[in-house]
C-alpha cells in the first residue's frame, strides 16, 4: 500500500504533451518556417527589375549629363574632348548665369512659398467640421492632377494681353479706362505670372499631405488645448502646427526640389522671355543643349544645378537633425 501511494503521489501534476509542428507553434517558429521556404536571394531578384529600370531611366542619363560638363561636345557631331573644369569656370564667370540662378531662386522661392501657405490655410480650414468639405477637398486637388502643359496653356490664356480673361475683367471693372497689362511680355510681370501658375498647379498635393498629418493628431491633444484655454489662431500656432512640423518640413522640401526641376510652365508660357527675365536653370540647360547644341555647357549647368539642390537638401537635413536632438532633450 505504501509503495502504491509513493508511486501515485501528486496525481495533479500531469505531463502536458507538446504540440507538433503541424498544429502551429509560436509566432517565432512560424516566422522561421516561412523564412526557410524562401531563399535569401528572392528579395534581391524581386527588386532587380525596378532597380534596373531606375538605373537605365534616371541613373545613367544623370551621370552621362554630368560627364558632358567636363567635355567639349556638340550635339551635331558627337565628337567629345576632355577639357576638365573649363566649362564650369567659363559658366561661373558669366553674369548671365548668375542672373539665371537668381531668377530660379525667386521663381522657386515665391511659387513654393505661395503654394505652401495656400495649402496650409486650406488644410486647416478643411480640417474643421464644415459642410461640403469632401467636395472641396476633391476640387482643390484638381489643379494638381492636370499636366503642367495644360496648366501652362490655361494660364497663358488667362494672362493673354489681347483676349485674356484677366484683362477682360480689368476692362469691365475700370469701365474701359484701362486695357490691362501685357502680362507675359513685360519683365517682372511675366515672372509673377509663371509664379502664380505654378503655385496654383502644386498647392493641392501639399494640402492633402498637411491634411493627413492634421487628421493624425489624437483627440486628446485638442481636448488638452481646450482645457488650457487655447482656441482659434492661438491653438493652431502653438498646439497644432508644432505637432505636424515634420510633415510641414517634408512637404516644403519636396516642393522646393520639384520647383528646381520645373520646366514646362516657364517654357510653355514665356520660353524664358521676355529678354530672359523668366529663364530658370532648367530652361537655360534646355537652350544650351537643344538651341545652341552645346552639350558641354549644358552639362556644366547641370552640375551647378545639382550642387545647388544638394546644398538645399543638406540644409534641410541639418535643420531636421537639430530639431530631433532638441525634441529628445
Protein backbone atom coordinates (compact mmCIF):
# COMPACT_ATOMS: atom_id res chain seq x y z
CA UNK A 1 0.00 0.00 0.00
CA UNK A 2 2.81 2.33 0.89
CA UNK A 3 4.63 1.55 -2.34
CA UNK A 4 1.48 2.16 -4.33
CA UNK A 5 0.92 5.53 -2.67
CA UNK A 6 4.52 6.65 -3.27
CA UNK A 7 4.28 5.82 -6.95
CA UNK A 8 0.98 7.60 -7.37
CA UNK A 9 1.76 10.68 -5.27
CA UNK A 10 0.91 14.14 -6.60
CA UNK A 11 -1.58 12.95 -9.18
CA UNK A 12 -2.43 16.55 -10.14
CA UNK A 13 0.92 17.12 -11.85
CA UNK A 14 0.35 15.87 -15.36
CA UNK A 15 2.68 15.95 -18.26
CA UNK A 16 1.30 18.20 -21.00
CA UNK A 17 2.17 16.85 -24.43
CA UNK A 18 3.91 19.28 -26.80
CA UNK A 19 2.19 20.35 -29.93
CA UNK A 20 3.66 19.05 -33.08
CA UNK A 21 4.88 21.39 -35.80
CA UNK A 22 1.79 20.68 -37.83
CA UNK A 23 -0.54 22.13 -35.19
CA UNK A 24 1.06 25.61 -35.18
CA UNK A 25 3.67 26.56 -32.60
CA UNK A 26 4.78 30.04 -31.55
CA UNK A 27 4.86 33.04 -33.84
CA UNK A 28 8.67 32.91 -33.87
CA UNK A 29 8.55 29.32 -35.07
CA UNK A 30 6.13 30.28 -37.82
CA UNK A 31 8.43 33.07 -38.96
CA UNK A 32 11.39 30.71 -39.06
CA UNK A 33 9.44 28.20 -41.13
CA UNK A 34 8.28 30.90 -43.56
CA UNK A 35 11.83 32.22 -43.88
CA UNK A 36 13.10 28.69 -44.60
CA UNK A 37 10.69 28.39 -47.51
CA UNK A 38 12.25 31.33 -49.39
CA UNK A 39 15.94 31.56 -50.25
CA UNK A 40 17.81 34.71 -49.31
CA UNK A 41 18.19 35.79 -52.92
CA UNK A 42 14.42 36.09 -53.54
CA UNK A 43 14.11 39.74 -52.32
CA UNK A 44 17.05 40.80 -54.49
CA UNK A 45 15.59 39.14 -57.57
CA UNK A 46 12.24 40.77 -56.89
CA UNK A 47 13.76 44.24 -56.56
CA UNK A 48 16.13 43.84 -59.53
CA UNK A 49 13.69 44.90 -62.31
CA UNK A 50 12.78 48.16 -60.54
CA UNK A 51 16.44 48.86 -59.79
CA UNK A 52 17.48 48.23 -63.39
CA UNK A 53 14.68 50.47 -64.65
CA UNK A 54 15.78 53.26 -62.29
CA UNK A 55 19.42 52.94 -63.37
CA UNK A 56 18.52 52.94 -67.05
CA UNK A 57 15.98 55.76 -66.98
CA UNK A 58 17.38 58.03 -64.26
CA UNK A 59 20.84 56.98 -63.12
CA UNK A 60 22.66 56.56 -66.43
CA UNK A 61 21.33 59.76 -68.10
CA UNK A 62 22.11 61.74 -64.94
CA UNK A 63 25.72 60.54 -64.75
CA UNK A 64 26.15 60.99 -68.52
CA UNK A 65 24.94 64.60 -68.37
CA UNK A 66 27.43 65.33 -65.59
CA UNK A 67 30.24 63.81 -67.66
CA UNK A 68 29.34 66.18 -70.51
CA UNK A 69 30.21 69.08 -68.22
CA UNK A 70 33.88 68.10 -68.42
CA UNK A 71 33.94 67.77 -72.21
CA UNK A 72 33.82 69.94 -75.30
CA UNK A 73 30.96 68.24 -77.06
CA UNK A 74 28.40 69.28 -79.65
CA UNK A 75 25.02 67.71 -80.26
CA UNK A 76 25.63 67.89 -84.03
CA UNK A 77 28.80 65.84 -84.45
CA UNK A 78 29.14 63.89 -81.20
CA UNK A 79 32.92 64.45 -81.00
CA UNK A 80 33.98 64.71 -77.34
CA UNK A 81 37.19 66.25 -75.98
CA UNK A 82 38.03 66.24 -72.29
CA UNK A 83 38.70 69.82 -71.09
CA UNK A 84 38.43 69.45 -67.32
CA UNK A 85 36.78 72.32 -65.47
CA UNK A 86 36.87 74.79 -68.39
CA UNK A 87 33.11 74.66 -68.98
CA UNK A 88 32.38 75.17 -65.30
CA UNK A 89 34.85 78.05 -64.87
CA UNK A 90 33.52 79.77 -68.00
CA UNK A 91 29.96 79.35 -66.76
CA UNK A 92 30.72 80.77 -63.33
CA UNK A 93 32.41 83.81 -64.87
CA UNK A 94 29.29 84.82 -66.81
CA UNK A 95 26.98 87.38 -65.25
CA UNK A 96 24.08 85.95 -67.25
CA UNK A 97 24.40 82.64 -65.40
CA UNK A 98 24.15 84.32 -62.01
CA UNK A 99 21.10 86.23 -63.22
CA UNK A 100 19.54 82.89 -64.15
CA UNK A 101 20.40 81.47 -60.72
CA UNK A 102 18.78 84.45 -59.01
CA UNK A 103 15.69 84.18 -61.20
CA UNK A 104 15.46 80.48 -60.40
CA UNK A 105 15.65 81.20 -56.68
CA UNK A 106 12.93 83.86 -56.98
CA UNK A 107 10.72 81.55 -59.04
CA UNK A 108 11.16 78.54 -56.76
CA UNK A 109 11.02 80.50 -53.51
CA UNK A 110 7.91 82.54 -54.34
CA UNK A 111 5.97 79.75 -56.04
CA UNK A 112 6.83 77.13 -53.41
CA UNK A 113 6.20 79.53 -50.55
CA UNK A 114 2.90 80.69 -52.04
CA UNK A 115 1.73 77.15 -52.70
CA UNK A 116 2.77 76.06 -49.21
CA UNK A 117 0.95 78.91 -47.43
CA UNK A 118 -2.19 78.43 -49.52
CA UNK A 119 -2.15 74.68 -48.88
CA UNK A 120 -1.62 75.20 -45.14
CA UNK A 121 -4.52 77.65 -44.91
CA UNK A 122 -6.87 75.36 -46.84
CA UNK A 123 -5.80 72.26 -44.88
CA UNK A 124 -6.51 73.99 -41.57
CA UNK A 125 -9.89 75.15 -42.89
CA UNK A 126 -10.87 71.75 -44.28
CA UNK A 127 -9.82 70.04 -41.06
CA UNK A 128 -12.78 71.65 -39.29
CA UNK A 129 -16.34 70.43 -39.36
CA UNK A 130 -17.87 72.21 -42.32
CA UNK A 131 -20.42 71.29 -44.92
CA UNK A 132 -19.17 70.04 -48.25
CA UNK A 133 -15.57 69.62 -47.15
CA UNK A 134 -15.31 66.32 -49.08
CA UNK A 135 -16.30 68.06 -52.30
CA UNK A 136 -13.92 70.94 -51.59
CA UNK A 137 -11.01 68.57 -51.00
CA UNK A 138 -11.59 66.96 -54.37
CA UNK A 139 -11.99 70.33 -56.10
CA UNK A 140 -8.78 71.75 -54.62
CA UNK A 141 -6.88 68.63 -55.68
CA UNK A 142 -7.97 69.03 -59.30
CA UNK A 143 -5.23 71.57 -60.33
CA UNK A 144 -2.52 69.14 -59.25
CA UNK A 145 -3.98 66.37 -61.42
CA UNK A 146 -3.65 68.49 -64.57
CA UNK A 147 -0.40 68.13 -66.57
CA UNK A 148 1.96 71.08 -66.48
CA UNK A 149 1.48 71.78 -70.20
CA UNK A 150 -2.29 72.03 -69.76
CA UNK A 151 -1.82 74.36 -66.80
CA UNK A 152 0.58 76.48 -68.88
CA UNK A 153 -1.90 76.90 -71.75
CA UNK A 154 -4.71 77.65 -69.31
CA UNK A 155 -2.83 80.44 -67.55
CA UNK A 156 -1.39 81.72 -70.83
CA UNK A 157 -4.96 82.28 -71.95
CA UNK A 158 -5.83 83.97 -68.64
CA UNK A 159 -2.82 86.31 -68.87
CA UNK A 160 -3.09 86.95 -72.63
CA UNK A 161 -2.76 90.66 -73.41
CA UNK A 162 -5.42 90.76 -76.16
CA UNK A 163 -8.19 88.28 -75.31
CA UNK A 164 -7.23 87.08 -71.82
CA UNK A 165 -9.88 86.84 -69.15
CA UNK A 166 -7.82 88.84 -66.65
CA UNK A 167 -7.53 91.91 -68.88
CA UNK A 168 -11.20 91.48 -69.71
CA UNK A 169 -12.12 91.71 -66.04
CA UNK A 170 -9.87 94.74 -65.60
CA UNK A 171 -11.58 96.41 -68.54
CA UNK A 172 -15.04 95.72 -67.04
CA UNK A 173 -14.10 96.89 -63.54
CA UNK A 174 -12.43 100.07 -64.81
CA UNK A 175 -15.28 100.85 -67.17
CA UNK A 176 -12.98 100.78 -70.19
CA UNK A 177 -10.49 103.21 -68.66
CA UNK A 178 -7.76 100.55 -68.50
CA UNK A 179 -6.94 97.91 -71.08
CA UNK A 180 -4.85 95.85 -68.66
CA UNK A 181 -1.24 94.78 -68.98
CA UNK A 182 0.91 92.70 -71.28
CA UNK A 183 1.36 90.15 -68.52
CA UNK A 184 3.62 87.72 -70.35
CA UNK A 185 5.53 90.33 -72.33
CA UNK A 186 6.68 92.63 -69.52
CA UNK A 187 9.83 91.82 -67.48
CA UNK A 188 8.98 91.33 -63.82
CA UNK A 189 5.28 90.91 -64.51
CA UNK A 190 5.95 87.76 -66.54
CA UNK A 191 7.82 86.24 -63.60
CA UNK A 192 4.82 86.93 -61.38
CA UNK A 193 2.56 85.23 -63.93
CA UNK A 194 4.53 81.96 -64.03
CA UNK A 195 4.83 82.00 -60.22
CA UNK A 196 1.04 82.20 -59.90
CA UNK A 197 0.59 79.41 -62.45
CA UNK A 198 2.97 77.05 -60.67
CA UNK A 199 1.60 77.81 -57.19
CA UNK A 200 -1.91 77.05 -58.45
CA UNK A 201 -0.69 73.83 -60.05
CA UNK A 202 1.08 72.40 -57.00
CA UNK A 203 -0.72 73.51 -53.85
CA UNK A 204 -3.15 70.56 -53.99
CA UNK A 205 -0.77 67.76 -53.06
CA UNK A 206 0.72 69.83 -50.22
CA UNK A 207 -2.78 70.42 -48.88
CA UNK A 208 -3.52 66.69 -48.87
CA UNK A 209 -0.24 65.86 -47.10
CA UNK A 210 -0.82 68.50 -44.40
CA UNK A 211 -4.45 67.46 -44.03
CA UNK A 212 -3.40 63.84 -43.49
CA UNK A 213 -0.96 64.97 -40.78
CA UNK A 214 -3.65 67.07 -39.11
CA UNK A 215 -6.06 64.15 -39.01
CA UNK A 216 -3.37 62.05 -37.36
CA UNK A 217 -3.31 64.30 -34.28
CA UNK A 218 -5.04 62.47 -31.40
CA UNK A 219 -8.23 63.92 -29.98
CA UNK A 220 -6.59 64.15 -26.54
CA UNK A 221 -4.39 66.94 -27.86
CA UNK A 222 -7.41 69.01 -28.88
CA UNK A 223 -9.07 68.34 -25.52
CA UNK A 224 -5.96 69.38 -23.62
CA UNK A 225 -5.72 72.58 -25.67
CA UNK A 226 -9.37 73.38 -24.87
CA UNK A 227 -8.76 72.82 -21.16
CA UNK A 228 -5.77 75.16 -21.25
CA UNK A 229 -7.85 77.82 -22.97
CA UNK A 230 -6.19 77.60 -26.41
CA UNK A 231 -8.67 78.42 -29.17
CA UNK A 232 -8.62 79.71 -32.73
CA UNK A 233 -5.34 81.08 -34.08
CA UNK A 234 -3.56 80.57 -30.75
CA UNK A 235 -4.40 76.88 -30.83
CA UNK A 236 -3.27 76.48 -34.45
CA UNK A 237 0.07 78.23 -33.95
CA UNK A 238 1.16 76.86 -30.59
CA UNK A 239 -0.55 73.46 -30.39
CA UNK A 240 -1.45 72.07 -33.81
CA UNK A 241 1.40 73.22 -36.08
CA UNK A 242 4.21 72.03 -33.75
CA UNK A 243 2.59 68.58 -33.80
CA UNK A 244 2.88 68.32 -37.60
CA UNK A 245 6.24 70.06 -38.03
CA UNK A 246 7.96 67.03 -39.65
CA UNK A 247 5.21 66.81 -42.28
CA UNK A 248 5.48 70.55 -42.97
CA UNK A 249 9.25 70.37 -43.41
CA UNK A 250 8.98 67.36 -45.70
CA UNK A 251 6.28 68.98 -47.83
CA UNK A 252 8.28 72.20 -48.20
CA UNK A 253 11.48 70.33 -49.09
CA UNK A 254 9.78 68.23 -51.77
CA UNK A 255 8.05 71.29 -53.18
CA UNK A 256 11.34 73.20 -53.46
CA UNK A 257 13.05 70.25 -55.16
CA UNK A 258 10.17 69.98 -57.61
CA UNK A 259 10.37 73.72 -58.22
CA UNK A 260 14.02 73.49 -59.28
CA UNK A 261 13.03 70.73 -61.70
CA UNK A 262 10.11 72.70 -63.16
CA UNK A 263 10.48 73.19 -66.89
CA UNK A 264 7.12 73.01 -68.66
CA UNK A 265 5.41 76.06 -67.10
CA UNK A 266 8.23 78.62 -67.73
CA UNK A 267 8.95 77.19 -71.17
CA UNK A 268 5.39 76.96 -72.47
CA UNK A 269 4.24 80.29 -71.01
CA UNK A 270 7.22 82.53 -71.80
CA UNK A 271 10.08 80.38 -73.25
CA UNK A 272 12.35 82.18 -70.78
CA UNK A 273 11.38 85.66 -72.01
CA UNK A 274 10.88 88.49 -72.29
CA UNK A 275 14.62 89.24 -72.71
CA UNK A 276 15.50 86.31 -70.46
CA UNK A 277 13.63 87.62 -67.40
CA UNK A 278 11.94 84.25 -66.71
CA UNK A 279 14.82 81.96 -67.69
CA UNK A 280 15.41 79.36 -64.99
CA UNK A 281 18.17 76.75 -64.75
CA UNK A 282 16.01 74.13 -66.42
CA UNK A 283 15.18 76.46 -69.33
CA UNK A 284 18.81 77.60 -69.61
CA UNK A 285 20.00 73.99 -69.76
CA UNK A 286 17.45 73.16 -72.44
CA UNK A 287 18.50 76.15 -74.56
CA UNK A 288 22.19 75.29 -74.21
CA UNK A 289 21.64 71.68 -75.29
CA UNK A 290 18.91 71.92 -77.93
CA UNK A 291 19.15 75.51 -79.20
CA UNK A 292 22.91 76.11 -79.09
CA UNK A 293 23.72 72.35 -79.42
CA UNK A 294 26.43 72.75 -76.76
CA UNK A 295 26.28 69.67 -74.55
CA UNK A 296 29.38 70.75 -72.63
CA UNK A 297 27.75 73.98 -71.43
CA UNK A 298 24.53 72.12 -70.71
CA UNK A 299 26.45 69.61 -68.61
CA UNK A 300 28.14 72.43 -66.68
CA UNK A 301 24.72 73.96 -65.94
CA UNK A 302 23.54 70.54 -64.78
CA UNK A 303 26.49 70.25 -62.40
CA UNK A 304 25.79 73.69 -60.90
CA UNK A 305 22.11 72.82 -60.71
CA UNK A 306 22.88 69.58 -58.83
CA UNK A 307 25.19 71.35 -56.37
CA UNK A 308 22.53 73.96 -55.54
CA UNK A 309 19.89 71.30 -54.91
CA UNK A 310 22.34 69.28 -52.81
CA UNK A 311 23.07 72.34 -50.65
CA UNK A 312 19.34 72.84 -50.06
CA UNK A 313 18.85 69.20 -49.09
CA UNK A 314 21.82 69.32 -46.70
CA UNK A 315 20.42 72.46 -45.04
CA UNK A 316 17.07 70.77 -44.52
CA UNK A 317 18.78 67.63 -43.15
CA UNK A 318 20.81 69.68 -40.66
CA UNK A 319 17.66 71.50 -39.58
CA UNK A 320 15.78 68.23 -39.13
CA UNK A 321 18.59 66.65 -37.10
CA UNK A 322 18.77 69.76 -34.91
CA UNK A 323 15.01 69.59 -34.28
CA UNK A 324 15.18 65.89 -33.43
CA UNK A 325 18.00 66.47 -30.94
CA UNK A 326 16.03 69.29 -29.36
CA UNK A 327 12.96 67.07 -29.07
CA UNK A 328 14.95 64.30 -27.35
CA UNK A 329 16.28 66.73 -24.76
